[in-house]
Amino acid sequence: MTPVLLAFTLDHASRATGVSERRIRYWDDTGVLSPSLVDDDRGGAYSRIYSFRDLVGLRTIAELRDRFGVSLQGLRAVGDRLRRHNDTPWSELRFYVSGQHLYFKDPETELLLSALKPGQIALIGTLDLVRVELETRRRANLLVERTEDQFGQLVQNRYVAGNRTVIAGTRIPTTAVWEFHEAGYDDEAILKEYPRLLPIDVKRAIQHERSLRKLSAAS
């Protein structure tokens, strides 16, 4: 099942992978793994945008580092090779660990290479990337689950939808619901357009936008 979200902010990436934002930024800055989309000014909320395969890569790197004790030098060497040779994502590699030494199957040659000494080969246990991907997918999908106290609630956040009022637990602006309403869509049709919403969400969004227009007309 494909995750509902296909693009992830730094905050999303951290929550979906269990890797701290500080660590993710460090791996980007030091060339271990960079997001698919980056802004020259990497200080903004949307300056780093990660794909789902980036998330699997982050979780993979975290497991190699924490579970197997692989050095950052070894991880950077793999990241550098991937960028220079074939732009293959971390999520598509097969890794092997011997002690704290990292090996990976080169996607071009199918040879088992040492991260630090290309050509050195060992037959060892593998990191189960299927498990890593499934766990990352599960956590990513949790990002779009809403809690009961968010139903029918409207919020504003300067980092979400350009500070427009949105339906709590989503990134859906109330203006989007209103536009469908004005175009003649009934509540049921709007819910088909936004299957994550509930009838109470649609009702509150329309009420909110209608009250804004009444205030504007009265002023």
Protein backbone atom coordinates (compact mmCIF):
# COMPACT_ATOMS: atom_id res chain seq x y z
CA MET A 1 0.00 0.00 0.00
CA THR A 2 1.44 3.36 -1.06
CA PRO A 3 1.62 5.95 1.73
CA VAL A 4 -1.06 8.64 1.59
CA LEU A 5 1.67 11.28 1.73
CA LEU A 6 4.15 11.27 -1.14
CA ALA A 7 6.21 14.28 -0.02
CA PHE A 8 7.45 14.72 3.54
CA THR A 9 8.79 17.77 5.35
CA LEU A 10 11.67 17.43 7.79
CA ASP A 11 9.15 17.18 10.63
CA HIS A 12 7.20 14.46 8.80
CA ALA A 13 10.41 12.58 7.97
CA SER A 14 11.47 12.61 11.61
CA ARG A 15 8.09 11.38 12.84
CA ALA A 16 7.81 8.68 10.17
CA THR A 17 11.30 7.27 10.70
CA GLY A 18 11.89 7.88 14.40
CA VAL A 19 15.12 9.70 13.53
CA SER A 20 15.60 13.12 15.13
CA GLU A 21 15.45 16.24 12.95
CA ARG A 22 18.92 17.19 14.16
CA ARG A 23 20.31 13.86 12.96
CA ILE A 24 18.53 14.05 9.59
CA ARG A 25 19.89 17.56 9.02
CA TYR A 26 23.38 16.38 9.95
CA TRP A 27 23.22 13.49 7.46
CA ASP A 28 22.14 15.97 4.79
CA ASP A 29 24.89 18.45 5.63
CA THR A 30 27.60 15.76 5.70
CA GLY A 31 26.58 13.97 2.50
CA VAL A 32 25.17 10.76 3.95
CA LEU A 33 21.65 11.26 2.56
CA SER A 34 20.07 14.42 1.16
CA PRO A 35 16.35 14.93 0.45
CA SER A 36 15.00 14.61 -3.08
CA LEU A 37 14.04 18.30 -3.14
CA VAL A 38 16.06 21.00 -1.43
CA ASP A 39 16.03 24.79 -1.28
CA ASP A 40 19.26 26.78 -1.23
CA ASP A 41 18.10 28.24 2.07
CA ARG A 42 17.71 25.09 4.14
CA GLY A 43 16.45 26.87 7.23
CA GLY A 44 12.77 27.04 6.25
CA ALA A 45 10.02 24.58 7.14
CA TYR A 46 9.74 23.41 3.52
CA SER A 47 13.39 23.71 2.50
CA ARG A 48 13.89 19.95 2.75
CA ILE A 49 11.29 17.70 1.08
CA TYR A 50 11.77 13.94 1.36
CA SER A 51 10.24 11.23 -0.80
CA PHE A 52 9.05 7.96 0.70
CA ARG A 53 12.16 6.20 -0.59
CA ASP A 54 14.22 8.88 1.18
CA LEU A 55 12.41 7.90 4.38
CA VAL A 56 13.27 4.23 3.88
CA GLY A 57 16.87 5.33 3.33
CA LEU A 58 16.88 7.33 6.57
CA ARG A 59 15.50 4.41 8.54
CA THR A 60 18.03 2.07 6.89
CA ILE A 61 20.94 4.36 7.80
CA ALA A 62 19.68 4.65 11.37
CA GLU A 63 19.55 0.85 11.71
CA LEU A 64 23.01 0.42 10.21
CA ARG A 65 24.36 3.07 12.59
CA ASP A 66 22.53 2.11 15.79
CA ARG A 67 21.97 -1.61 15.45
CA PHE A 68 25.19 -2.61 13.70
CA GLY A 69 27.51 0.24 14.73
CA VAL A 70 28.49 1.11 11.15
CA SER A 71 30.71 4.21 11.06
CA LEU A 72 29.59 7.51 9.56
CA GLN A 73 32.65 7.29 7.33
CA GLY A 74 31.33 4.07 5.85
CA LEU A 75 27.84 5.50 5.41
CA ARG A 76 29.19 8.62 3.70
CA ALA A 77 31.25 6.44 1.37
CA VAL A 78 28.12 4.57 0.27
CA GLY A 79 26.18 7.81 -0.17
CA ASP A 80 28.99 9.30 -2.25
CA ARG A 81 29.19 6.24 -4.48
CA LEU A 82 25.44 6.25 -5.06
CA ARG A 83 25.50 9.91 -6.12
CA ARG A 84 28.55 9.56 -8.39
CA HIS A 85 27.67 6.36 -10.19
CA ASN A 86 23.98 5.68 -10.58
CA ASP A 87 21.81 7.83 -8.30
CA THR A 88 20.40 4.64 -6.78
CA PRO A 89 18.44 5.30 -3.57
CA TRP A 90 19.51 3.75 -0.28
CA SER A 91 16.16 1.97 -0.17
CA GLU A 92 17.10 -0.24 -3.14
CA LEU A 93 20.43 -1.52 -1.83
CA ARG A 94 21.17 -4.81 -0.09
CA PHE A 95 23.51 -4.40 2.87
CA TYR A 96 25.78 -6.83 4.70
CA VAL A 97 27.57 -6.19 7.97
CA SER A 98 30.62 -7.95 9.37
CA GLY A 99 31.58 -6.65 12.78
CA GLN A 100 31.18 -2.92 12.19
CA HIS A 101 32.23 -3.09 8.56
CA LEU A 102 29.62 -2.34 5.91
CA TYR A 103 29.27 -4.05 2.54
CA PHE A 104 26.65 -3.53 -0.13
CA LYS A 105 25.68 -5.09 -3.43
CA ASP A 106 26.61 -2.71 -6.21
CA PRO A 107 23.48 -2.21 -8.40
CA GLU A 108 25.57 -1.92 -11.57
CA THR A 109 27.94 -4.87 -11.20
CA GLU A 110 26.01 -7.02 -8.69
CA LEU A 111 29.33 -7.38 -6.84
CA LEU A 112 29.47 -7.23 -3.07
CA LEU A 113 31.60 -4.18 -2.27
CA SER A 114 33.15 -2.84 0.89
CA ALA A 115 31.95 0.67 1.74
CA LEU A 116 35.50 1.80 2.53
CA LYS A 117 37.55 -0.65 0.45
CA PRO A 118 35.77 -1.39 -2.86
CA GLY A 119 36.39 -4.94 -3.97
CA GLN A 120 36.69 -6.42 -0.49
CA ILE A 121 34.02 -9.10 -0.14
CA ALA A 122 32.47 -10.95 2.80
CA LEU A 123 29.57 -13.36 3.23
CA ILE A 124 27.57 -12.18 6.22
CA GLY A 125 24.06 -11.58 7.51
CA THR A 126 21.82 -8.99 5.85
CA LEU A 127 19.79 -6.06 7.08
CA ASP A 128 16.14 -6.92 6.36
CA LEU A 129 15.12 -3.99 4.17
CA VAL A 130 11.66 -5.42 3.60
CA ARG A 131 11.01 -5.08 7.33
CA VAL A 132 12.52 -1.58 7.33
CA GLU A 133 10.32 -0.45 4.44
CA LEU A 134 7.14 -1.92 5.92
CA GLU A 135 7.80 -0.28 9.28
CA THR A 136 8.57 3.06 7.63
CA ARG A 137 5.39 2.78 5.53
CA ARG A 138 3.34 2.06 8.65
CA ARG A 139 4.77 5.06 10.47
CA ALA A 140 4.34 7.32 7.43
CA ASN A 141 0.67 6.42 7.17
CA LEU A 142 0.20 7.31 10.84
CA LEU A 143 0.98 10.91 9.89
CA VAL A 144 -2.39 11.21 8.16
CA GLU A 145 -4.45 9.59 10.90
CA ARG A 146 -6.66 12.04 12.77
CA THR A 147 -7.62 11.96 16.42
CA GLU A 148 -11.20 12.30 17.57
CA ASP A 149 -10.61 15.72 19.11
CA GLN A 150 -9.67 17.05 15.64
CA PHE A 151 -12.99 16.19 14.01
CA GLY A 152 -14.89 19.34 13.07
CA GLN A 153 -12.08 21.61 14.29
CA LEU A 154 -10.40 24.38 12.28
CA VAL A 155 -6.84 25.59 12.87
CA GLN A 156 -4.25 27.98 11.49
CA ASN A 157 -0.50 27.44 11.32
CA ARG A 158 1.92 29.73 9.54
CA TYR A 159 3.81 26.70 8.22
CA VAL A 160 0.71 24.96 6.84
CA ALA A 161 -1.10 26.01 3.64
CA GLY A 162 0.31 29.54 3.76
CA ASN A 163 -1.32 30.31 7.13
CA ARG A 164 -4.80 29.70 5.72
CA THR A 165 -7.44 28.12 7.95
CA VAL A 166 -7.38 24.35 7.50
CA ILE A 167 -9.37 21.44 8.85
CA ALA A 168 -7.54 20.06 11.89
CA GLY A 169 -5.40 17.00 11.24
CA THR A 170 -5.25 17.74 7.50
CA ARG A 171 -3.75 20.27 5.12
CA ILE A 172 -7.12 20.95 3.49
CA PRO A 173 -8.00 24.68 3.54
CA THR A 174 -11.57 25.65 4.34
CA THR A 175 -11.50 27.73 1.15
CA ALA A 176 -11.11 24.55 -0.90
CA VAL A 177 -14.26 23.08 0.65
CA TRP A 178 -16.08 26.38 0.10
CA GLU A 179 -15.12 26.48 -3.58
CA PHE A 180 -16.66 23.05 -4.12
CA HIS A 181 -19.73 24.17 -2.18
CA GLU A 182 -20.07 27.29 -4.34
CA ALA A 183 -19.65 25.17 -7.47
CA GLY A 184 -22.80 23.26 -6.53
CA TYR A 185 -21.30 20.22 -4.83
CA ASP A 186 -23.39 18.87 -1.96
CA ASP A 187 -21.75 17.57 1.21
CA GLU A 188 -21.67 13.99 -0.04
CA ALA A 189 -19.92 15.02 -3.26
CA ILE A 190 -17.36 17.08 -1.32
CA LEU A 191 -16.62 14.08 0.90
CA LYS A 192 -15.86 12.05 -2.22
CA GLU A 193 -13.31 14.67 -3.19
CA TYR A 194 -11.80 14.60 0.31
CA PRO A 195 -12.32 11.08 1.70
CA ARG A 196 -10.37 11.88 4.90
CA LEU A 197 -13.01 14.40 5.95
CA LEU A 198 -16.16 13.78 7.94
CA PRO A 199 -19.54 15.49 7.45
CA ILE A 200 -18.88 17.68 10.51
CA ASP A 201 -15.63 18.89 8.89
CA VAL A 202 -17.44 19.97 5.74
CA LYS A 203 -20.21 21.64 7.74
CA ARG A 204 -17.77 23.64 9.90
CA ALA A 205 -15.64 24.65 6.92
CA ILE A 206 -18.66 26.01 5.04
CA GLN A 207 -19.95 27.79 8.15
CA HIS A 208 -16.53 29.39 8.68
CA GLU A 209 -16.19 30.63 5.11
CA ARG A 210 -19.79 31.88 5.03
CA SER A 211 -19.28 33.88 8.25
CA LEU A 212 -16.09 35.44 6.83
CA ARG A 213 -17.97 36.62 3.78
CA LYS A 214 -20.81 38.06 5.86
CA LEU A 215 -18.29 40.01 7.94
CA SER A 216 -16.57 41.26 4.80
CA ALA A 217 -19.88 42.38 3.28
CA ALA A 218 -20.88 44.18 6.48
CA SER A 219 -17.62 46.12 6.81
